[in-house]
Amino acid sequence: MKATVVKFEDRPNFDRGDGVSTALLFGKDNAIGTVFTSGFTTFPTGRAAPMHSHNCCEQVLIISGDAEVECDGVKTVLKDMDTSFIPANVPHRFNNIGTTPLTILWIYGETNVTRTFTETGETVQHLSSGDKVTK
């Protein structure tokens, strides 16, 4: 295994729709031997991810902004540097309830990550063309 450094301006960026963008930091393609996937997602004011779950656990750290996380039917307000742990297959979503962009750091406990949209039951690969917030 080799150490890897990613400069923020050089990381891949994904348009998730509705003004939401995701920047991949580390995963199986750029950190050979890693056992996790990590990155940032930024939500404009008033935007939210649809209710969904993953095939693995997820930790989310609020970098900046005000969020409401809905997890297991419970809504909790989070601010800068608050964090959450979401077990695999637990439906959840993050909503920007503030007046500035919401940026989160997410870490998945897996390199082959999927997202299952609660409303439709559709499962897509993380950061694939079907992985949009506008479902």
N, C-alpha and C. Protein backbone atom coordinates (compact mmCIF):
# COMPACT_ATOMS: atom_id res chain seq x y z
N MET A 1 0.84 -1.17 0.00
CA MET A 1 0.00 0.00 0.00
C MET A 1 0.89 1.24 0.00
N LYS A 2 0.46 2.26 -0.73
CA LYS A 2 1.24 3.48 -0.87
C LYS A 2 0.43 4.66 -0.32
N ALA A 3 1.10 5.59 0.34
CA ALA A 3 0.43 6.79 0.84
C ALA A 3 -0.10 7.61 -0.33
N THR A 4 -1.23 8.27 -0.14
CA THR A 4 -1.85 9.08 -1.19
C THR A 4 -2.23 10.43 -0.61
N VAL A 5 -1.97 11.48 -1.37
CA VAL A 5 -2.34 12.84 -0.98
C VAL A 5 -3.22 13.41 -2.08
N VAL A 6 -4.33 14.03 -1.70
CA VAL A 6 -5.22 14.67 -2.68
C VAL A 6 -5.33 16.14 -2.32
N LYS A 7 -4.96 17.01 -3.25
CA LYS A 7 -5.16 18.44 -3.05
C LYS A 7 -6.62 18.74 -3.34
N PHE A 8 -7.25 19.57 -2.51
CA PHE A 8 -8.69 19.79 -2.62
C PHE A 8 -9.10 20.23 -4.03
N GLU A 9 -8.32 21.11 -4.64
CA GLU A 9 -8.68 21.60 -5.98
C GLU A 9 -8.52 20.53 -7.06
N ASP A 10 -7.85 19.43 -6.77
CA ASP A 10 -7.61 18.37 -7.76
C ASP A 10 -8.56 17.19 -7.63
N ARG A 11 -9.43 17.18 -6.66
CA ARG A 11 -10.28 16.01 -6.44
C ARG A 11 -11.41 15.97 -7.46
N PRO A 12 -11.89 14.77 -7.81
CA PRO A 12 -13.01 14.65 -8.74
C PRO A 12 -14.28 15.25 -8.12
N ASN A 13 -15.06 15.96 -8.92
CA ASN A 13 -16.28 16.58 -8.45
C ASN A 13 -17.46 16.04 -9.25
N PHE A 14 -18.56 15.72 -8.58
CA PHE A 14 -19.74 15.13 -9.21
C PHE A 14 -20.95 16.02 -9.00
N ASP A 15 -21.64 16.34 -10.09
CA ASP A 15 -22.89 17.11 -10.03
C ASP A 15 -24.00 16.14 -9.65
N ARG A 16 -24.62 16.36 -8.51
CA ARG A 16 -25.65 15.44 -8.02
C ARG A 16 -27.05 15.93 -8.36
N GLY A 17 -27.16 17.07 -9.05
CA GLY A 17 -28.45 17.64 -9.40
C GLY A 17 -28.94 18.60 -8.33
N ASP A 18 -29.81 19.54 -8.73
CA ASP A 18 -30.44 20.49 -7.81
C ASP A 18 -29.41 21.35 -7.07
N GLY A 19 -28.24 21.58 -7.69
CA GLY A 19 -27.20 22.41 -7.09
C GLY A 19 -26.30 21.71 -6.10
N VAL A 20 -26.54 20.43 -5.85
CA VAL A 20 -25.75 19.65 -4.89
C VAL A 20 -24.52 19.09 -5.60
N SER A 21 -23.35 19.23 -4.98
CA SER A 21 -22.13 18.68 -5.57
C SER A 21 -21.38 17.82 -4.55
N THR A 22 -20.71 16.81 -5.07
CA THR A 22 -19.95 15.88 -4.23
C THR A 22 -18.52 15.79 -4.75
N ALA A 23 -17.57 15.84 -3.83
CA ALA A 23 -16.15 15.70 -4.15
C ALA A 23 -15.63 14.43 -3.49
N LEU A 24 -15.19 13.49 -4.30
CA LEU A 24 -14.60 12.26 -3.78
C LEU A 24 -13.20 12.54 -3.27
N LEU A 25 -12.89 12.10 -2.07
CA LEU A 25 -11.54 12.21 -1.54
C LEU A 25 -10.79 10.90 -1.76
N PHE A 26 -11.20 9.84 -1.06
CA PHE A 26 -10.52 8.56 -1.19
C PHE A 26 -11.50 7.43 -1.42
N GLY A 27 -11.04 6.47 -2.22
CA GLY A 27 -11.82 5.27 -2.51
C GLY A 27 -10.94 4.26 -3.22
N LYS A 28 -11.56 3.22 -3.73
CA LYS A 28 -10.81 2.11 -4.31
C LYS A 28 -9.99 2.51 -5.54
N ASP A 29 -10.39 3.58 -6.23
CA ASP A 29 -9.68 3.96 -7.46
C ASP A 29 -8.45 4.83 -7.24
N ASN A 30 -8.38 5.52 -6.10
CA ASN A 30 -7.22 6.39 -5.90
C ASN A 30 -6.44 6.11 -4.61
N ALA A 31 -6.88 5.13 -3.85
CA ALA A 31 -6.17 4.75 -2.62
C ALA A 31 -6.18 3.22 -2.54
N ILE A 32 -5.34 2.62 -3.34
CA ILE A 32 -5.30 1.16 -3.46
C ILE A 32 -5.09 0.54 -2.07
N GLY A 33 -5.94 -0.41 -1.74
CA GLY A 33 -5.85 -1.10 -0.46
C GLY A 33 -6.73 -0.50 0.63
N THR A 34 -7.38 0.64 0.34
CA THR A 34 -8.23 1.24 1.36
C THR A 34 -9.46 0.37 1.62
N VAL A 35 -10.01 0.51 2.80
CA VAL A 35 -11.22 -0.24 3.16
C VAL A 35 -12.41 0.70 3.36
N PHE A 36 -12.25 1.98 2.99
CA PHE A 36 -13.33 2.95 3.15
C PHE A 36 -13.40 3.87 1.93
N THR A 37 -14.47 4.65 1.85
CA THR A 37 -14.65 5.67 0.82
C THR A 37 -15.01 6.96 1.53
N SER A 38 -14.41 8.09 1.11
CA SER A 38 -14.69 9.35 1.80
C SER A 38 -14.78 10.50 0.81
N GLY A 39 -15.46 11.55 1.25
CA GLY A 39 -15.59 12.74 0.41
C GLY A 39 -16.44 13.80 1.09
N PHE A 40 -16.68 14.88 0.33
CA PHE A 40 -17.49 16.01 0.78
C PHE A 40 -18.72 16.13 -0.10
N THR A 41 -19.83 16.55 0.47
CA THR A 41 -21.00 16.95 -0.31
C THR A 41 -21.44 18.31 0.20
N THR A 42 -21.78 19.20 -0.76
CA THR A 42 -22.27 20.54 -0.43
C THR A 42 -23.69 20.69 -0.94
N PHE A 43 -24.58 21.12 -0.04
CA PHE A 43 -25.99 21.35 -0.35
C PHE A 43 -26.28 22.84 -0.29
N PRO A 44 -26.85 23.44 -1.36
CA PRO A 44 -27.29 24.83 -1.27
C PRO A 44 -28.41 24.96 -0.22
N THR A 45 -28.70 26.18 0.17
CA THR A 45 -29.77 26.45 1.13
C THR A 45 -31.07 25.81 0.66
N GLY A 46 -31.74 25.13 1.58
CA GLY A 46 -33.04 24.54 1.29
C GLY A 46 -33.01 23.22 0.56
N ARG A 47 -31.84 22.70 0.24
CA ARG A 47 -31.74 21.44 -0.50
C ARG A 47 -31.53 20.28 0.48
N ALA A 48 -31.95 19.10 0.02
CA ALA A 48 -31.84 17.90 0.86
C ALA A 48 -31.58 16.69 -0.01
N ALA A 49 -31.00 15.69 0.58
CA ALA A 49 -30.89 14.38 -0.08
C ALA A 49 -32.23 13.67 0.09
N PRO A 50 -32.63 12.85 -0.87
CA PRO A 50 -33.83 12.06 -0.66
C PRO A 50 -33.56 10.98 0.40
N MET A 51 -34.61 10.49 1.03
CA MET A 51 -34.45 9.42 2.01
C MET A 51 -33.82 8.22 1.30
N HIS A 52 -32.77 7.66 1.92
CA HIS A 52 -32.03 6.57 1.30
C HIS A 52 -31.29 5.77 2.37
N SER A 53 -30.70 4.67 1.94
CA SER A 53 -29.85 3.86 2.82
C SER A 53 -28.67 3.36 2.01
N HIS A 54 -27.67 2.85 2.71
CA HIS A 54 -26.46 2.32 2.06
C HIS A 54 -26.24 0.87 2.49
N ASN A 55 -25.44 0.18 1.73
CA ASN A 55 -25.09 -1.21 2.03
C ASN A 55 -24.00 -1.32 3.10
N CYS A 56 -23.59 -0.18 3.65
CA CYS A 56 -22.51 -0.16 4.65
C CYS A 56 -22.77 0.97 5.63
N CYS A 57 -22.01 0.99 6.71
CA CYS A 57 -22.15 2.07 7.68
C CYS A 57 -21.59 3.37 7.10
N GLU A 58 -22.05 4.48 7.68
CA GLU A 58 -21.62 5.81 7.23
C GLU A 58 -21.45 6.72 8.43
N GLN A 59 -20.35 7.46 8.44
CA GLN A 59 -20.16 8.53 9.41
C GLN A 59 -20.26 9.84 8.65
N VAL A 60 -21.00 10.81 9.20
CA VAL A 60 -21.13 12.12 8.57
C VAL A 60 -20.75 13.19 9.59
N LEU A 61 -19.82 14.06 9.19
CA LEU A 61 -19.38 15.19 10.02
C LEU A 61 -19.84 16.47 9.34
N ILE A 62 -20.52 17.35 10.07
CA ILE A 62 -20.92 18.64 9.52
C ILE A 62 -19.69 19.55 9.53
N ILE A 63 -19.21 19.90 8.35
CA ILE A 63 -18.05 20.79 8.24
C ILE A 63 -18.50 22.24 8.44
N SER A 64 -19.57 22.63 7.74
CA SER A 64 -20.11 23.98 7.90
C SER A 64 -21.58 24.00 7.52
N GLY A 65 -22.32 24.84 8.20
CA GLY A 65 -23.74 24.98 7.91
C GLY A 65 -24.61 24.34 8.98
N ASP A 66 -25.91 24.46 8.77
CA ASP A 66 -26.90 23.91 9.69
C ASP A 66 -27.69 22.82 8.98
N ALA A 67 -27.77 21.66 9.60
CA ALA A 67 -28.42 20.51 8.97
C ALA A 67 -29.49 19.94 9.88
N GLU A 68 -30.44 19.32 9.23
CA GLU A 68 -31.37 18.45 9.94
C GLU A 68 -31.14 17.07 9.37
N VAL A 69 -30.79 16.12 10.23
CA VAL A 69 -30.64 14.74 9.80
C VAL A 69 -31.89 13.99 10.25
N GLU A 70 -32.45 13.23 9.33
CA GLU A 70 -33.56 12.35 9.65
C GLU A 70 -33.05 10.93 9.53
N CYS A 71 -33.11 10.21 10.63
CA CYS A 71 -32.56 8.86 10.67
C CYS A 71 -33.46 7.98 11.53
N ASP A 72 -33.91 6.90 10.97
CA ASP A 72 -34.79 6.00 11.72
C ASP A 72 -36.05 6.72 12.21
N GLY A 73 -36.52 7.70 11.43
CA GLY A 73 -37.73 8.44 11.79
C GLY A 73 -37.53 9.56 12.80
N VAL A 74 -36.30 9.77 13.26
CA VAL A 74 -36.00 10.81 14.23
C VAL A 74 -35.25 11.95 13.54
N LYS A 75 -35.73 13.19 13.74
CA LYS A 75 -35.07 14.37 13.16
C LYS A 75 -34.24 15.05 14.24
N THR A 76 -32.98 15.39 13.88
CA THR A 76 -32.06 16.03 14.81
C THR A 76 -31.36 17.17 14.09
N VAL A 77 -31.27 18.33 14.73
CA VAL A 77 -30.55 19.47 14.16
C VAL A 77 -29.07 19.34 14.51
N LEU A 78 -28.22 19.52 13.49
CA LEU A 78 -26.77 19.43 13.66
C LEU A 78 -26.12 20.73 13.18
N LYS A 79 -25.00 21.10 13.81
CA LYS A 79 -24.24 22.30 13.45
C LYS A 79 -22.79 21.91 13.20
N ASP A 80 -21.98 22.91 12.89
CA ASP A 80 -20.56 22.69 12.61
C ASP A 80 -19.93 21.72 13.60
N MET A 81 -19.25 20.73 13.07
CA MET A 81 -18.47 19.74 13.79
C MET A 81 -19.30 18.70 14.54
N ASP A 82 -20.63 18.75 14.44
CA ASP A 82 -21.45 17.65 14.96
C ASP A 82 -21.30 16.47 14.02
N THR A 83 -21.49 15.26 14.53
CA THR A 83 -21.29 14.08 13.69
C THR A 83 -22.38 13.05 13.95
N SER A 84 -22.53 12.16 12.99
CA SER A 84 -23.52 11.08 13.12
C SER A 84 -22.91 9.78 12.61
N PHE A 85 -23.41 8.68 13.15
CA PHE A 85 -23.04 7.35 12.67
C PHE A 85 -24.34 6.66 12.27
N ILE A 86 -24.37 6.16 11.04
CA ILE A 86 -25.57 5.52 10.51
C ILE A 86 -25.22 4.09 10.11
N PRO A 87 -25.82 3.10 10.75
CA PRO A 87 -25.54 1.70 10.38
C PRO A 87 -26.01 1.38 8.96
N ALA A 88 -25.51 0.31 8.40
CA ALA A 88 -25.93 -0.14 7.07
C ALA A 88 -27.44 -0.36 7.05
N ASN A 89 -28.03 -0.04 5.90
CA ASN A 89 -29.45 -0.30 5.62
C ASN A 89 -30.43 0.50 6.46
N VAL A 90 -29.99 1.56 7.12
CA VAL A 90 -30.88 2.42 7.90
C VAL A 90 -31.24 3.65 7.05
N PRO A 91 -32.52 3.87 6.74
CA PRO A 91 -32.92 5.03 5.95
C PRO A 91 -32.59 6.34 6.67
N HIS A 92 -32.07 7.30 5.89
CA HIS A 92 -31.68 8.58 6.45
C HIS A 92 -31.60 9.63 5.34
N ARG A 93 -31.49 10.89 5.75
CA ARG A 93 -31.27 11.99 4.81
C ARG A 93 -30.78 13.20 5.56
N PHE A 94 -30.08 14.08 4.85
CA PHE A 94 -29.61 15.34 5.39
C PHE A 94 -30.28 16.48 4.63
N ASN A 95 -30.69 17.51 5.37
CA ASN A 95 -31.40 18.65 4.80
C ASN A 95 -30.70 19.92 5.27
N ASN A 96 -30.41 20.84 4.33
CA ASN A 96 -29.81 22.12 4.70
C ASN A 96 -30.92 23.04 5.19
N ILE A 97 -30.94 23.30 6.49
CA ILE A 97 -31.97 24.17 7.07
C ILE A 97 -31.43 25.56 7.38
N GLY A 98 -30.19 25.84 6.99
CA GLY A 98 -29.56 27.12 7.29
C GLY A 98 -29.68 28.12 6.16
N THR A 99 -28.96 29.23 6.31
CA THR A 99 -28.97 30.30 5.31
C THR A 99 -27.69 30.33 4.49
N THR A 100 -26.80 29.38 4.73
CA THR A 100 -25.55 29.26 3.97
C THR A 100 -25.43 27.82 3.48
N PRO A 101 -24.53 27.56 2.52
CA PRO A 101 -24.35 26.18 2.07
C PRO A 101 -23.99 25.25 3.23
N LEU A 102 -24.46 24.02 3.13
CA LEU A 102 -24.15 22.96 4.09
C LEU A 102 -23.10 22.05 3.46
N THR A 103 -21.97 21.88 4.12
CA THR A 103 -20.93 20.97 3.64
C THR A 103 -20.72 19.87 4.67
N ILE A 104 -20.78 18.63 4.18
CA ILE A 104 -20.58 17.47 5.06
C ILE A 104 -19.39 16.65 4.56
N LEU A 105 -18.69 16.05 5.50
CA LEU A 105 -17.66 15.05 5.20
C LEU A 105 -18.28 13.71 5.52
N TRP A 106 -18.30 12.81 4.54
CA TRP A 106 -18.86 11.47 4.76
C TRP A 106 -17.76 10.43 4.59
N ILE A 107 -17.89 9.39 5.40
CA ILE A 107 -16.95 8.26 5.34
C ILE A 107 -17.79 6.99 5.38
N TYR A 108 -17.68 6.20 4.33
CA TYR A 108 -18.37 4.91 4.25
C TYR A 108 -17.40 3.81 4.65
N GLY A 109 -17.88 2.81 5.35
CA GLY A 109 -17.05 1.70 5.79
C GLY A 109 -16.91 0.61 4.75
N GLU A 110 -16.81 1.00 3.49
CA GLU A 110 -16.77 0.04 2.38
C GLU A 110 -16.25 0.78 1.15
N THR A 111 -15.67 0.06 0.21
CA THR A 111 -15.25 0.69 -1.05
C THR A 111 -16.26 0.46 -2.17
N ASN A 112 -17.12 -0.51 -2.03
CA ASN A 112 -18.18 -0.76 -3.01
C ASN A 112 -19.50 -0.30 -2.39
N VAL A 113 -19.80 0.98 -2.53
CA VAL A 113 -20.93 1.60 -1.84
C VAL A 113 -22.13 1.69 -2.78
N THR A 114 -23.30 1.33 -2.26
CA THR A 114 -24.54 1.52 -3.00
C THR A 114 -25.48 2.43 -2.21
N ARG A 115 -26.42 3.03 -2.95
CA ARG A 115 -27.46 3.86 -2.34
C ARG A 115 -28.80 3.30 -2.79
N THR A 116 -29.68 3.03 -1.84
CA THR A 116 -31.03 2.57 -2.16
C THR A 116 -32.00 3.68 -1.78
N PHE A 117 -32.74 4.17 -2.77
CA PHE A 117 -33.72 5.24 -2.54
C PHE A 117 -34.96 4.64 -1.90
N THR A 118 -35.33 5.15 -0.74
CA THR A 118 -36.43 4.60 0.04
C THR A 118 -37.75 4.65 -0.72
N GLU A 119 -38.02 5.76 -1.38
CA GLU A 119 -39.31 5.95 -2.06
C GLU A 119 -39.53 4.95 -3.19
N THR A 120 -38.47 4.68 -3.97
CA THR A 120 -38.62 3.82 -5.15
C THR A 120 -38.08 2.41 -4.96
N GLY A 121 -37.18 2.23 -3.99
CA GLY A 121 -36.52 0.94 -3.81
C GLY A 121 -35.38 0.71 -4.78
N GLU A 122 -35.12 1.70 -5.65
CA GLU A 122 -34.03 1.58 -6.63
C GLU A 122 -32.67 1.65 -5.93
N THR A 123 -31.76 0.75 -6.31
CA THR A 123 -30.40 0.74 -5.78
C THR A 123 -29.44 1.11 -6.90
N VAL A 124 -28.53 2.06 -6.62
CA VAL A 124 -27.54 2.52 -7.59
C VAL A 124 -26.16 2.50 -6.94
N GLN A 125 -25.14 2.42 -7.77
CA GLN A 125 -23.77 2.55 -7.28
C GLN A 125 -23.53 3.98 -6.84
N HIS A 126 -22.84 4.15 -5.76
CA HIS A 126 -22.49 5.47 -5.24
C HIS A 126 -21.72 6.26 -6.30
N LEU A 127 -22.14 7.49 -6.53
CA LEU A 127 -21.54 8.43 -7.49
C LEU A 127 -21.65 7.97 -8.94
N SER A 128 -22.59 7.08 -9.23
CA SER A 128 -22.88 6.71 -10.62
C SER A 128 -23.84 7.75 -11.20
N SER A 129 -24.15 7.64 -12.49
CA SER A 129 -25.05 8.60 -13.13
C SER A 129 -26.44 8.59 -12.51
N GLY A 130 -26.84 7.50 -11.88
CA GLY A 130 -28.14 7.41 -11.24
C GLY A 130 -28.18 7.90 -9.81
N ASP A 131 -27.03 8.29 -9.28
CA ASP A 131 -26.93 8.70 -7.87
C ASP A 131 -27.16 10.21 -7.76
N LYS A 132 -28.40 10.63 -7.91
CA LYS A 132 -28.77 12.05 -7.90
C LYS A 132 -29.64 12.37 -6.69
N VAL A 133 -29.68 13.63 -6.31
CA VAL A 133 -30.56 14.05 -5.21
C VAL A 133 -31.95 14.39 -5.71
N THR A 134 -32.15 14.41 -7.00
CA THR A 134 -33.43 14.82 -7.58
C THR A 134 -34.32 13.63 -7.90
N LYS A 135 -34.20 12.52 -7.18
CA LYS A 135 -35.02 11.32 -7.42
C LYS A 135 -36.46 11.60 -7.12
